[in-house]
Amino acid sequence: ALDAPHAAVRLVDFYRREGFQLVDVMR
């Protein structure tokens, strides 16, 4: 597991392309 700014769309998309799934959003 890891975290990244939810609004950093390009970074989050990179992780999702690598097979990571969004499981939560929190501050």
mmCIF file of all heavy atoms, coordinates in Angstrom:
data_MODEL
# 
_entry.id   MODEL 
# 
loop_
_atom_site.group_PDB 
_atom_site.id 
_atom_site.type_symbol 
_atom_site.label_atom_id 
_atom_site.label_alt_id 
_atom_site.label_comp_id 
_atom_site.label_asym_id 
_atom_site.label_entity_id 
_atom_site.label_seq_id 
_atom_site.pdbx_PDB_ins_code 
_atom_site.Cartn_x 
_atom_site.Cartn_y 
_atom_site.Cartn_z 
_atom_site.occupancy 
_atom_site.B_iso_or_equiv 
_atom_site.pdbx_formal_charge 
_atom_site.auth_seq_id 
_atom_site.auth_comp_id 
_atom_site.auth_asym_id 
_atom_site.auth_atom_id 
_atom_site.pdbx_PDB_model_num 
ATOM 1   N N   . ALA A 1 1  ? 0.837   -1.205 0.000   1.00 0.00 ? 1  ALA A N   1 
ATOM 2   C CA  . ALA A 1 1  ? 0.000   0.000  0.000   1.00 0.00 ? 1  ALA A CA  1 
ATOM 3   C C   . ALA A 1 1  ? 0.868   1.249  0.000   1.00 0.00 ? 1  ALA A C   1 
ATOM 4   O O   . ALA A 1 1  ? 2.003   1.252  0.493   1.00 0.00 ? 1  ALA A O   1 
ATOM 5   C CB  . ALA A 1 1  ? -0.932  0.008  1.210   1.00 0.00 ? 1  ALA A CB  1 
ATOM 6   N N   . LEU A 1 2  ? 0.323   2.321  -0.551  1.00 0.00 ? 2  LEU A N   1 
ATOM 7   C CA  . LEU A 1 2  ? 0.991   3.621  -0.555  1.00 0.00 ? 2  LEU A CA  1 
ATOM 8   C C   . LEU A 1 2  ? -0.075  4.701  -0.652  1.00 0.00 ? 2  LEU A C   1 
ATOM 9   O O   . LEU A 1 2  ? -1.246  4.405  -0.848  1.00 0.00 ? 2  LEU A O   1 
ATOM 10  C CB  . LEU A 1 2  ? 1.982   3.715  -1.723  1.00 0.00 ? 2  LEU A CB  1 
ATOM 11  C CG  . LEU A 1 2  ? 1.509   3.340  -3.134  1.00 0.00 ? 2  LEU A CG  1 
ATOM 12  C CD1 . LEU A 1 2  ? 0.748   4.487  -3.797  1.00 0.00 ? 2  LEU A CD1 1 
ATOM 13  C CD2 . LEU A 1 2  ? 2.683   2.950  -4.012  1.00 0.00 ? 2  LEU A CD2 1 
ATOM 14  N N   . ASP A 1 3  ? 0.351   5.952  -0.518  1.00 0.00 ? 3  ASP A N   1 
ATOM 15  C CA  . ASP A 1 3  ? -0.599  7.042  -0.660  1.00 0.00 ? 3  ASP A CA  1 
ATOM 16  C C   . ASP A 1 3  ? -0.020  8.120  -1.554  1.00 0.00 ? 3  ASP A C   1 
ATOM 17  O O   . ASP A 1 3  ? 1.202   8.222  -1.729  1.00 0.00 ? 3  ASP A O   1 
ATOM 18  C CB  . ASP A 1 3  ? -0.974  7.626  0.706   1.00 0.00 ? 3  ASP A CB  1 
ATOM 19  C CG  . ASP A 1 3  ? 0.177   8.354  1.375   1.00 0.00 ? 3  ASP A CG  1 
ATOM 20  O OD1 . ASP A 1 3  ? 0.963   7.692  2.091   1.00 0.00 ? 3  ASP A OD1 1 
ATOM 21  O OD2 . ASP A 1 3  ? 0.302   9.575  1.183   1.00 0.00 ? 3  ASP A OD2 1 
ATOM 22  N N   . ALA A 1 4  ? -0.912  8.930  -2.125  1.00 0.00 ? 4  ALA A N   1 
ATOM 23  C CA  . ALA A 1 4  ? -0.542  10.033 -3.005  1.00 0.00 ? 4  ALA A CA  1 
ATOM 24  C C   . ALA A 1 4  ? -1.651  11.064 -2.945  1.00 0.00 ? 4  ALA A C   1 
ATOM 25  O O   . ALA A 1 4  ? -2.805  10.723 -2.626  1.00 0.00 ? 4  ALA A O   1 
ATOM 26  C CB  . ALA A 1 4  ? -0.351  9.539  -4.441  1.00 0.00 ? 4  ALA A CB  1 
ATOM 27  N N   . PRO A 1 5  ? -1.364  12.328 -3.226  1.00 0.00 ? 5  PRO A N   1 
ATOM 28  C CA  . PRO A 1 5  ? -2.435  13.321 -3.253  1.00 0.00 ? 5  PRO A CA  1 
ATOM 29  C C   . PRO A 1 5  ? -3.541  12.893 -4.213  1.00 0.00 ? 5  PRO A C   1 
ATOM 30  O O   . PRO A 1 5  ? -3.281  12.598 -5.377  1.00 0.00 ? 5  PRO A O   1 
ATOM 31  C CB  . PRO A 1 5  ? -1.729  14.592 -3.736  1.00 0.00 ? 5  PRO A CB  1 
ATOM 32  C CG  . PRO A 1 5  ? -0.304  14.411 -3.312  1.00 0.00 ? 5  PRO A CG  1 
ATOM 33  C CD  . PRO A 1 5  ? -0.034  12.949 -3.492  1.00 0.00 ? 5  PRO A CD  1 
ATOM 34  N N   . HIS A 1 6  ? -4.756  12.842 -3.715  1.00 0.00 ? 6  HIS A N   1 
ATOM 35  C CA  . HIS A 1 6  ? -5.864  12.354 -4.536  1.00 0.00 ? 6  HIS A CA  1 
ATOM 36  C C   . HIS A 1 6  ? -6.079  13.215 -5.769  1.00 0.00 ? 6  HIS A C   1 
ATOM 37  O O   . HIS A 1 6  ? -6.488  12.721 -6.828  1.00 0.00 ? 6  HIS A O   1 
ATOM 38  C CB  . HIS A 1 6  ? -7.140  12.311 -3.683  1.00 0.00 ? 6  HIS A CB  1 
ATOM 39  C CG  . HIS A 1 6  ? -8.295  11.658 -4.365  1.00 0.00 ? 6  HIS A CG  1 
ATOM 40  N ND1 . HIS A 1 6  ? -9.489  12.316 -4.610  1.00 0.00 ? 6  HIS A ND1 1 
ATOM 41  C CD2 . HIS A 1 6  ? -8.445  10.400 -4.874  1.00 0.00 ? 6  HIS A CD2 1 
ATOM 42  C CE1 . HIS A 1 6  ? -10.314 11.487 -5.240  1.00 0.00 ? 6  HIS A CE1 1 
ATOM 43  N NE2 . HIS A 1 6  ? -9.710  10.331 -5.401  1.00 0.00 ? 6  HIS A NE2 1 
ATOM 44  N N   . ALA A 1 7  ? -5.785  14.497 -5.650  1.00 0.00 ? 7  ALA A N   1 
ATOM 45  C CA  . ALA A 1 7  ? -5.982  15.413 -6.775  1.00 0.00 ? 7  ALA A CA  1 
ATOM 46  C C   . ALA A 1 7  ? -4.812  15.412 -7.758  1.00 0.00 ? 7  ALA A C   1 
ATOM 47  O O   . ALA A 1 7  ? -4.892  16.063 -8.806  1.00 0.00 ? 7  ALA A O   1 
ATOM 48  C CB  . ALA A 1 7  ? -6.220  16.833 -6.260  1.00 0.00 ? 7  ALA A CB  1 
ATOM 49  N N   . ALA A 1 8  ? -3.726  14.703 -7.431  1.00 0.00 ? 8  ALA A N   1 
ATOM 50  C CA  . ALA A 1 8  ? -2.597  14.575 -8.359  1.00 0.00 ? 8  ALA A CA  1 
ATOM 51  C C   . ALA A 1 8  ? -2.944  13.460 -9.347  1.00 0.00 ? 8  ALA A C   1 
ATOM 52  O O   . ALA A 1 8  ? -2.455  12.328 -9.255  1.00 0.00 ? 8  ALA A O   1 
ATOM 53  C CB  . ALA A 1 8  ? -1.310  14.270 -7.605  1.00 0.00 ? 8  ALA A CB  1 
ATOM 54  N N   . VAL A 1 9  ? -3.792  13.787 -10.296 1.00 0.00 ? 9  VAL A N   1 
ATOM 55  C CA  . VAL A 1 9  ? -4.419  12.781 -11.162 1.00 0.00 ? 9  VAL A CA  1 
ATOM 56  C C   . VAL A 1 9  ? -3.385  11.962 -11.931 1.00 0.00 ? 9  VAL A C   1 
ATOM 57  O O   . VAL A 1 9  ? -3.500  10.738 -12.029 1.00 0.00 ? 9  VAL A O   1 
ATOM 58  C CB  . VAL A 1 9  ? -5.395  13.470 -12.147 1.00 0.00 ? 9  VAL A CB  1 
ATOM 59  C CG1 . VAL A 1 9  ? -6.006  12.440 -13.092 1.00 0.00 ? 9  VAL A CG1 1 
ATOM 60  C CG2 . VAL A 1 9  ? -6.485  14.194 -11.380 1.00 0.00 ? 9  VAL A CG2 1 
ATOM 61  N N   . ARG A 1 10 ? -2.370  12.626 -12.471 1.00 0.00 ? 10 ARG A N   1 
ATOM 62  C CA  . ARG A 1 10 ? -1.389  11.902 -13.279 1.00 0.00 ? 10 ARG A CA  1 
ATOM 63  C C   . ARG A 1 10 ? -0.627  10.875 -12.443 1.00 0.00 ? 10 ARG A C   1 
ATOM 64  O O   . ARG A 1 10 ? -0.373  9.751  -12.888 1.00 0.00 ? 10 ARG A O   1 
ATOM 65  C CB  . ARG A 1 10 ? -0.412  12.898 -13.905 1.00 0.00 ? 10 ARG A CB  1 
ATOM 66  C CG  . ARG A 1 10 ? 0.575   12.286 -14.896 1.00 0.00 ? 10 ARG A CG  1 
ATOM 67  C CD  . ARG A 1 10 ? 1.279   13.371 -15.691 1.00 0.00 ? 10 ARG A CD  1 
ATOM 68  N NE  . ARG A 1 10 ? 2.244   12.822 -16.629 1.00 0.00 ? 10 ARG A NE  1 
ATOM 69  C CZ  . ARG A 1 10 ? 3.551   12.760 -16.403 1.00 0.00 ? 10 ARG A CZ  1 
ATOM 70  N NH1 . ARG A 1 10 ? 4.036   13.228 -15.262 1.00 0.00 ? 10 ARG A NH1 1 
ATOM 71  N NH2 . ARG A 1 10 ? 4.365   12.242 -17.295 1.00 0.00 ? 10 ARG A NH2 1 
ATOM 72  N N   . LEU A 1 11 ? -0.269  11.244 -11.207 1.00 0.00 ? 11 LEU A N   1 
ATOM 73  C CA  . LEU A 1 11 ? 0.449   10.329 -10.330 1.00 0.00 ? 11 LEU A CA  1 
ATOM 74  C C   . LEU A 1 11 ? -0.440  9.161  -9.920  1.00 0.00 ? 11 LEU A C   1 
ATOM 75  O O   . LEU A 1 11 ? -0.014  7.990  -9.952  1.00 0.00 ? 11 LEU A O   1 
ATOM 76  C CB  . LEU A 1 11 ? 0.956   11.080 -9.104  1.00 0.00 ? 11 LEU A CB  1 
ATOM 77  C CG  . LEU A 1 11 ? 1.739   10.269 -8.072  1.00 0.00 ? 11 LEU A CG  1 
ATOM 78  C CD1 . LEU A 1 11 ? 2.975   9.635  -8.696  1.00 0.00 ? 11 LEU A CD1 1 
ATOM 79  C CD2 . LEU A 1 11 ? 2.124   11.153 -6.886  1.00 0.00 ? 11 LEU A CD2 1 
ATOM 80  N N   . VAL A 1 12 ? -1.666  9.449  -9.521  1.00 0.00 ? 12 VAL A N   1 
ATOM 81  C CA  . VAL A 1 12 ? -2.586  8.385  -9.124  1.00 0.00 ? 12 VAL A CA  1 
ATOM 82  C C   . VAL A 1 12 ? -2.866  7.447  -10.298 1.00 0.00 ? 12 VAL A C   1 
ATOM 83  O O   . VAL A 1 12 ? -2.902  6.217  -10.134 1.00 0.00 ? 12 VAL A O   1 
ATOM 84  C CB  . VAL A 1 12 ? -3.902  8.979  -8.574  1.00 0.00 ? 12 VAL A CB  1 
ATOM 85  C CG1 . VAL A 1 12 ? -4.939  7.878  -8.328  1.00 0.00 ? 12 VAL A CG1 1 
ATOM 86  C CG2 . VAL A 1 12 ? -3.642  9.750  -7.286  1.00 0.00 ? 12 VAL A CG2 1 
ATOM 87  N N   . ASP A 1 13 ? -3.021  8.002  -11.489 1.00 0.00 ? 13 ASP A N   1 
ATOM 88  C CA  . ASP A 1 13 ? -3.246  7.167  -12.675 1.00 0.00 ? 13 ASP A CA  1 
ATOM 89  C C   . ASP A 1 13 ? -2.054  6.252  -12.944 1.00 0.00 ? 13 ASP A C   1 
ATOM 90  O O   . ASP A 1 13 ? -2.232  5.105  -13.379 1.00 0.00 ? 13 ASP A O   1 
ATOM 91  C CB  . ASP A 1 13 ? -3.513  8.043  -13.897 1.00 0.00 ? 13 ASP A CB  1 
ATOM 92  C CG  . ASP A 1 13 ? -4.917  8.626  -13.903 1.00 0.00 ? 13 ASP A CG  1 
ATOM 93  O OD1 . ASP A 1 13 ? -5.749  8.184  -13.088 1.00 0.00 ? 13 ASP A OD1 1 
ATOM 94  O OD2 . ASP A 1 13 ? -5.183  9.523  -14.730 1.00 0.00 ? 13 ASP A OD2 1 
ATOM 95  N N   . PHE A 1 14 ? -0.853  6.756  -12.712 1.00 0.00 ? 14 PHE A N   1 
ATOM 96  C CA  . PHE A 1 14 ? 0.341   5.921  -12.882 1.00 0.00 ? 14 PHE A CA  1 
ATOM 97  C C   . PHE A 1 14 ? 0.277   4.700  -11.972 1.00 0.00 ? 14 PHE A C   1 
ATOM 98  O O   . PHE A 1 14 ? 0.497   3.561  -12.409 1.00 0.00 ? 14 PHE A O   1 
ATOM 99  C CB  . PHE A 1 14 ? 1.597   6.739  -12.592 1.00 0.00 ? 14 PHE A CB  1 
ATOM 100 C CG  . PHE A 1 14 ? 2.844   5.909  -12.417 1.00 0.00 ? 14 PHE A CG  1 
ATOM 101 C CD1 . PHE A 1 14 ? 3.372   5.191  -13.476 1.00 0.00 ? 14 PHE A CD1 1 
ATOM 102 C CD2 . PHE A 1 14 ? 3.484   5.851  -11.189 1.00 0.00 ? 14 PHE A CD2 1 
ATOM 103 C CE1 . PHE A 1 14 ? 4.516   4.418  -13.315 1.00 0.00 ? 14 PHE A CE1 1 
ATOM 104 C CE2 . PHE A 1 14 ? 4.625   5.090  -11.013 1.00 0.00 ? 14 PHE A CE2 1 
ATOM 105 C CZ  . PHE A 1 14 ? 5.145   4.368  -12.077 1.00 0.00 ? 14 PHE A CZ  1 
ATOM 106 N N   . TYR A 1 15 ? -0.035  4.906  -10.700 1.00 0.00 ? 15 TYR A N   1 
ATOM 107 C CA  . TYR A 1 15 ? -0.127  3.777  -9.765  1.00 0.00 ? 15 TYR A CA  1 
ATOM 108 C C   . TYR A 1 15 ? -1.249  2.818  -10.160 1.00 0.00 ? 15 TYR A C   1 
ATOM 109 O O   . TYR A 1 15 ? -1.085  1.593  -10.057 1.00 0.00 ? 15 TYR A O   1 
ATOM 110 C CB  . TYR A 1 15 ? -0.349  4.285  -8.341  1.00 0.00 ? 15 TYR A CB  1 
ATOM 111 C CG  . TYR A 1 15 ? 0.861   4.967  -7.741  1.00 0.00 ? 15 TYR A CG  1 
ATOM 112 C CD1 . TYR A 1 15 ? 0.766   6.219  -7.139  1.00 0.00 ? 15 TYR A CD1 1 
ATOM 113 C CD2 . TYR A 1 15 ? 2.112   4.357  -7.769  1.00 0.00 ? 15 TYR A CD2 1 
ATOM 114 C CE1 . TYR A 1 15 ? 1.874   6.842  -6.588  1.00 0.00 ? 15 TYR A CE1 1 
ATOM 115 C CE2 . TYR A 1 15 ? 3.226   4.967  -7.221  1.00 0.00 ? 15 TYR A CE2 1 
ATOM 116 C CZ  . TYR A 1 15 ? 3.103   6.211  -6.632  1.00 0.00 ? 15 TYR A CZ  1 
ATOM 117 O OH  . TYR A 1 15 ? 4.200   6.829  -6.095  1.00 0.00 ? 15 TYR A OH  1 
ATOM 118 N N   . ARG A 1 16 ? -2.353  3.357  -10.627 1.00 0.00 ? 16 ARG A N   1 
ATOM 119 C CA  . ARG A 1 16 ? -3.461  2.479  -11.024 1.00 0.00 ? 16 ARG A CA  1 
ATOM 120 C C   . ARG A 1 16 ? -3.094  1.661  -12.253 1.00 0.00 ? 16 ARG A C   1 
ATOM 121 O O   . ARG A 1 16 ? -3.496  0.495  -12.376 1.00 0.00 ? 16 ARG A O   1 
ATOM 122 C CB  . ARG A 1 16 ? -4.725  3.302  -11.254 1.00 0.00 ? 16 ARG A CB  1 
ATOM 123 C CG  . ARG A 1 16 ? -5.203  4.001  -9.983  1.00 0.00 ? 16 ARG A CG  1 
ATOM 124 C CD  . ARG A 1 16 ? -6.497  4.756  -10.159 1.00 0.00 ? 16 ARG A CD  1 
ATOM 125 N NE  . ARG A 1 16 ? -7.635  3.836  -10.143 1.00 0.00 ? 16 ARG A NE  1 
ATOM 126 C CZ  . ARG A 1 16 ? -8.890  4.219  -9.959  1.00 0.00 ? 16 ARG A CZ  1 
ATOM 127 N NH1 . ARG A 1 16 ? -9.166  5.503  -9.786  1.00 0.00 ? 16 ARG A NH1 1 
ATOM 128 N NH2 . ARG A 1 16 ? -9.863  3.342  -9.952  1.00 0.00 ? 16 ARG A NH2 1 
ATOM 129 N N   . ARG A 1 17 ? -2.333  2.239  -13.162 1.00 0.00 ? 17 ARG A N   1 
ATOM 130 C CA  . ARG A 1 17 ? -1.873  1.457  -14.320 1.00 0.00 ? 17 ARG A CA  1 
ATOM 131 C C   . ARG A 1 17 ? -0.934  0.338  -13.896 1.00 0.00 ? 17 ARG A C   1 
ATOM 132 O O   . ARG A 1 17 ? -0.821  -0.681 -14.589 1.00 0.00 ? 17 ARG A O   1 
ATOM 133 C CB  . ARG A 1 17 ? -1.171  2.366  -15.334 1.00 0.00 ? 17 ARG A CB  1 
ATOM 134 C CG  . ARG A 1 17 ? -2.101  3.280  -16.112 1.00 0.00 ? 17 ARG A CG  1 
ATOM 135 C CD  . ARG A 1 17 ? -1.401  3.839  -17.339 1.00 0.00 ? 17 ARG A CD  1 
ATOM 136 N NE  . ARG A 1 17 ? -0.185  4.569  -16.999 1.00 0.00 ? 17 ARG A NE  1 
ATOM 137 C CZ  . ARG A 1 17 ? -0.147  5.854  -16.713 1.00 0.00 ? 17 ARG A CZ  1 
ATOM 138 N NH1 . ARG A 1 17 ? -1.264  6.572  -16.687 1.00 0.00 ? 17 ARG A NH1 1 
ATOM 139 N NH2 . ARG A 1 17 ? 0.995   6.453  -16.428 1.00 0.00 ? 17 ARG A NH2 1 
ATOM 140 N N   . GLU A 1 18 ? -0.268  0.506  -12.766 1.00 0.00 ? 18 GLU A N   1 
ATOM 141 C CA  . GLU A 1 18 ? 0.620   -0.526 -12.247 1.00 0.00 ? 18 GLU A CA  1 
ATOM 142 C C   . GLU A 1 18 ? -0.117  -1.556 -11.398 1.00 0.00 ? 18 GLU A C   1 
ATOM 143 O O   . GLU A 1 18 ? 0.515   -2.401 -10.760 1.00 0.00 ? 18 GLU A O   1 
ATOM 144 C CB  . GLU A 1 18 ? 1.747   0.121  -11.431 1.00 0.00 ? 18 GLU A CB  1 
ATOM 145 C CG  . GLU A 1 18 ? 2.684   0.985  -12.258 1.00 0.00 ? 18 GLU A CG  1 
ATOM 146 C CD  . GLU A 1 18 ? 3.284   0.220  -13.422 1.00 0.00 ? 18 GLU A CD  1 
ATOM 147 O OE1 . GLU A 1 18 ? 3.885   -0.845 -13.174 1.00 0.00 ? 18 GLU A OE1 1 
ATOM 148 O OE2 . GLU A 1 18 ? 3.149   0.678  -14.585 1.00 0.00 ? 18 GLU A OE2 1 
ATOM 149 N N   . GLY A 1 19 ? -1.435  -1.483 -11.381 1.00 0.00 ? 19 GLY A N   1 
ATOM 150 C CA  . GLY A 1 19 ? -2.230  -2.494 -10.705 1.00 0.00 ? 19 GLY A CA  1 
ATOM 151 C C   . GLY A 1 19 ? -2.724  -2.143 -9.319  1.00 0.00 ? 19 GLY A C   1 
ATOM 152 O O   . GLY A 1 19 ? -3.392  -2.963 -8.669  1.00 0.00 ? 19 GLY A O   1 
ATOM 153 N N   . PHE A 1 20 ? -2.420  -0.941 -8.837  1.00 0.00 ? 20 PHE A N   1 
ATOM 154 C CA  . PHE A 1 20 ? -2.900  -0.523 -7.523  1.00 0.00 ? 20 PHE A CA  1 
ATOM 155 C C   . PHE A 1 20 ? -4.362  -0.081 -7.627  1.00 0.00 ? 20 PHE A C   1 
ATOM 156 O O   . PHE A 1 20 ? -4.766  0.536  -8.614  1.00 0.00 ? 20 PHE A O   1 
ATOM 157 C CB  . PHE A 1 20 ? -2.046  0.622  -6.977  1.00 0.00 ? 20 PHE A CB  1 
ATOM 158 C CG  . PHE A 1 20 ? -0.684  0.196  -6.508  1.00 0.00 ? 20 PHE A CG  1 
ATOM 159 C CD1 . PHE A 1 20 ? 0.361   0.028  -7.409  1.00 0.00 ? 20 PHE A CD1 1 
ATOM 160 C CD2 . PHE A 1 20 ? -0.446  -0.050 -5.161  1.00 0.00 ? 20 PHE A CD2 1 
ATOM 161 C CE1 . PHE A 1 20 ? 1.615   -0.370 -6.983  1.00 0.00 ? 20 PHE A CE1 1 
ATOM 162 C CE2 . PHE A 1 20 ? 0.806   -0.450 -4.725  1.00 0.00 ? 20 PHE A CE2 1 
ATOM 163 C CZ  . PHE A 1 20 ? 1.850   -0.614 -5.641  1.00 0.00 ? 20 PHE A CZ  1 
ATOM 164 N N   . GLN A 1 21 ? -5.121  -0.393 -6.594  1.00 0.00 ? 21 GLN A N   1 
ATOM 165 C CA  . GLN A 1 21 ? -6.536  -0.029 -6.559  1.00 0.00 ? 21 GLN A CA  1 
ATOM 166 C C   . GLN A 1 21 ? -6.779  0.997  -5.455  1.00 0.00 ? 21 GLN A C   1 
ATOM 167 O O   . GLN A 1 21 ? -6.195  0.914  -4.367  1.00 0.00 ? 21 GLN A O   1 
ATOM 168 C CB  . GLN A 1 21 ? -7.398  -1.271 -6.304  1.00 0.00 ? 21 GLN A CB  1 
ATOM 169 C CG  . GLN A 1 21 ? -7.333  -2.293 -7.415  1.00 0.00 ? 21 GLN A CG  1 
ATOM 170 C CD  . GLN A 1 21 ? -8.260  -3.476 -7.171  1.00 0.00 ? 21 GLN A CD  1 
ATOM 171 O OE1 . GLN A 1 21 ? -8.709  -3.715 -6.046  1.00 0.00 ? 21 GLN A OE1 1 
ATOM 172 N NE2 . GLN A 1 21 ? -8.550  -4.226 -8.216  1.00 0.00 ? 21 GLN A NE2 1 
ATOM 173 N N   . LEU A 1 22 ? -7.638  1.947  -5.746  1.00 0.00 ? 22 LEU A N   1 
ATOM 174 C CA  . LEU A 1 22 ? -8.014  2.952  -4.755  1.00 0.00 ? 22 LEU A CA  1 
ATOM 175 C C   . LEU A 1 22 ? -8.923  2.300  -3.721  1.00 0.00 ? 22 LEU A C   1 
ATOM 176 O O   . LEU A 1 22 ? -9.996  1.797  -4.054  1.00 0.00 ? 22 LEU A O   1 
ATOM 177 C CB  . LEU A 1 22 ? -8.733  4.110  -5.444  1.00 0.00 ? 22 LEU A CB  1 
ATOM 178 C CG  . LEU A 1 22 ? -9.189  5.259  -4.547  1.00 0.00 ? 22 LEU A CG  1 
ATOM 179 C CD1 . LEU A 1 22 ? -7.990  5.989  -3.956  1.00 0.00 ? 22 LEU A CD1 1 
ATOM 180 C CD2 . LEU A 1 22 ? -10.067 6.225  -5.340  1.00 0.00 ? 22 LEU A CD2 1 
ATOM 181 N N   . VAL A 1 23 ? -8.485  2.301  -2.460  1.00 0.00 ? 23 VAL A N   1 
ATOM 182 C CA  . VAL A 1 23 ? -9.267  1.654  -1.408  1.00 0.00 ? 23 VAL A CA  1 
ATOM 183 C C   . VAL A 1 23 ? -9.809  2.645  -0.382  1.00 0.00 ? 23 VAL A C   1 
ATOM 184 O O   . VAL A 1 23 ? -10.703 2.306  0.395   1.00 0.00 ? 23 VAL A O   1 
ATOM 185 C CB  . VAL A 1 23 ? -8.429  0.573  -0.681  1.00 0.00 ? 23 VAL A CB  1 
ATOM 186 C CG1 . VAL A 1 23 ? -8.053  -0.545 -1.643  1.00 0.00 ? 23 VAL A CG1 1 
ATOM 187 C CG2 . VAL A 1 23 ? -7.180  1.175  -0.034  1.00 0.00 ? 23 VAL A CG2 1 
ATOM 188 N N   . ASP A 1 24 ? -9.287  3.865  -0.392  1.00 0.00 ? 24 ASP A N   1 
ATOM 189 C CA  . ASP A 1 24 ? -9.776  4.842  0.579   1.00 0.00 ? 24 ASP A CA  1 
ATOM 190 C C   . ASP A 1 24 ? -9.261  6.223  0.184   1.00 0.00 ? 24 ASP A C   1 
ATOM 191 O O   . ASP A 1 24 ? -8.304  6.356  -0.583  1.00 0.00 ? 24 ASP A O   1 
ATOM 192 C CB  . ASP A 1 24 ? -9.283  4.499  1.992   1.00 0.00 ? 24 ASP A CB  1 
ATOM 193 C CG  . ASP A 1 24 ? -10.095 5.169  3.090   1.00 0.00 ? 24 ASP A CG  1 
ATOM 194 O OD1 . ASP A 1 24 ? -11.051 5.907  2.761   1.00 0.00 ? 24 ASP A OD1 1 
ATOM 195 O OD2 . ASP A 1 24 ? -9.779  4.953  4.275   1.00 0.00 ? 24 ASP A OD2 1 
ATOM 196 N N   . VAL A 1 25 ? -9.928  7.247  0.685   1.00 0.00 ? 25 VAL A N   1 
ATOM 197 C CA  . VAL A 1 25 ? -9.477  8.632  0.558   1.00 0.00 ? 25 VAL A CA  1 
ATOM 198 C C   . VAL A 1 25 ? -9.584  9.258  1.941   1.00 0.00 ? 25 VAL A C   1 
ATOM 199 O O   . VAL A 1 25 ? -10.638 9.186  2.578   1.00 0.00 ? 25 VAL A O   1 
ATOM 200 C CB  . VAL A 1 25 ? -10.327 9.436  -0.460  1.00 0.00 ? 25 VAL A CB  1 
ATOM 201 C CG1 . VAL A 1 25 ? -9.867  10.889 -0.496  1.00 0.00 ? 25 VAL A CG1 1 
ATOM 202 C CG2 . VAL A 1 25 ? -10.235 8.811  -1.845  1.00 0.00 ? 25 VAL A CG2 1 
ATOM 203 N N   . MET A 1 26 ? -8.485  9.831  2.433   1.00 0.00 ? 26 MET A N   1 
ATOM 204 C CA  . MET A 1 26 ? -8.485  10.384 3.775   1.00 0.00 ? 26 MET A CA  1 
ATOM 205 C C   . MET A 1 26 ? -7.467  11.510 3.863   1.00 0.00 ? 26 MET A C   1 
ATOM 206 O O   . MET A 1 26 ? -6.595  11.643 2.996   1.00 0.00 ? 26 MET A O   1 
ATOM 207 C CB  . MET A 1 26 ? -8.165  9.302  4.807   1.00 0.00 ? 26 MET A CB  1 
ATOM 208 C CG  . MET A 1 26 ? -6.781  8.670  4.665   1.00 0.00 ? 26 MET A CG  1 
ATOM 209 S SD  . MET A 1 26 ? -6.484  7.405  5.914   1.00 0.00 ? 26 MET A SD  1 
ATOM 210 C CE  . MET A 1 26 ? -6.672  8.343  7.411   1.00 0.00 ? 26 MET A CE  1 
ATOM 211 N N   . ARG A 1 27 ? -7.590  12.302 4.907   1.00 0.00 ? 27 ARG A N   1 
ATOM 212 C CA  . ARG A 1 27 ? -6.640  13.393 5.121   1.00 0.00 ? 27 ARG A CA  1 
ATOM 213 C C   . ARG A 1 27 ? -5.798  13.089 6.354   1.00 0.00 ? 27 ARG A C   1 
ATOM 214 O O   . ARG A 1 27 ? -6.329  12.890 7.457   1.00 0.00 ? 27 ARG A O   1 
ATOM 215 C CB  . ARG A 1 27 ? -7.356  14.729 5.284   1.00 0.00 ? 27 ARG A CB  1 
ATOM 216 C CG  . ARG A 1 27 ? -6.402  15.904 5.491   1.00 0.00 ? 27 ARG A CG  1 
ATOM 217 C CD  . ARG A 1 27 ? -7.056  17.251 5.238   1.00 0.00 ? 27 ARG A CD  1 
ATOM 218 N NE  . ARG A 1 27 ? -7.500  17.385 3.857   1.00 0.00 ? 27 ARG A NE  1 
ATOM 219 C CZ  . ARG A 1 27 ? -7.755  18.558 3.287   1.00 0.00 ? 27 ARG A CZ  1 
ATOM 220 N NH1 . ARG A 1 27 ? -7.589  19.678 3.954   1.00 0.00 ? 27 ARG A NH1 1 
ATOM 221 N NH2 . ARG A 1 27 ? -8.182  18.603 2.034   1.00 0.00 ? 27 ARG A NH2 1 
# 
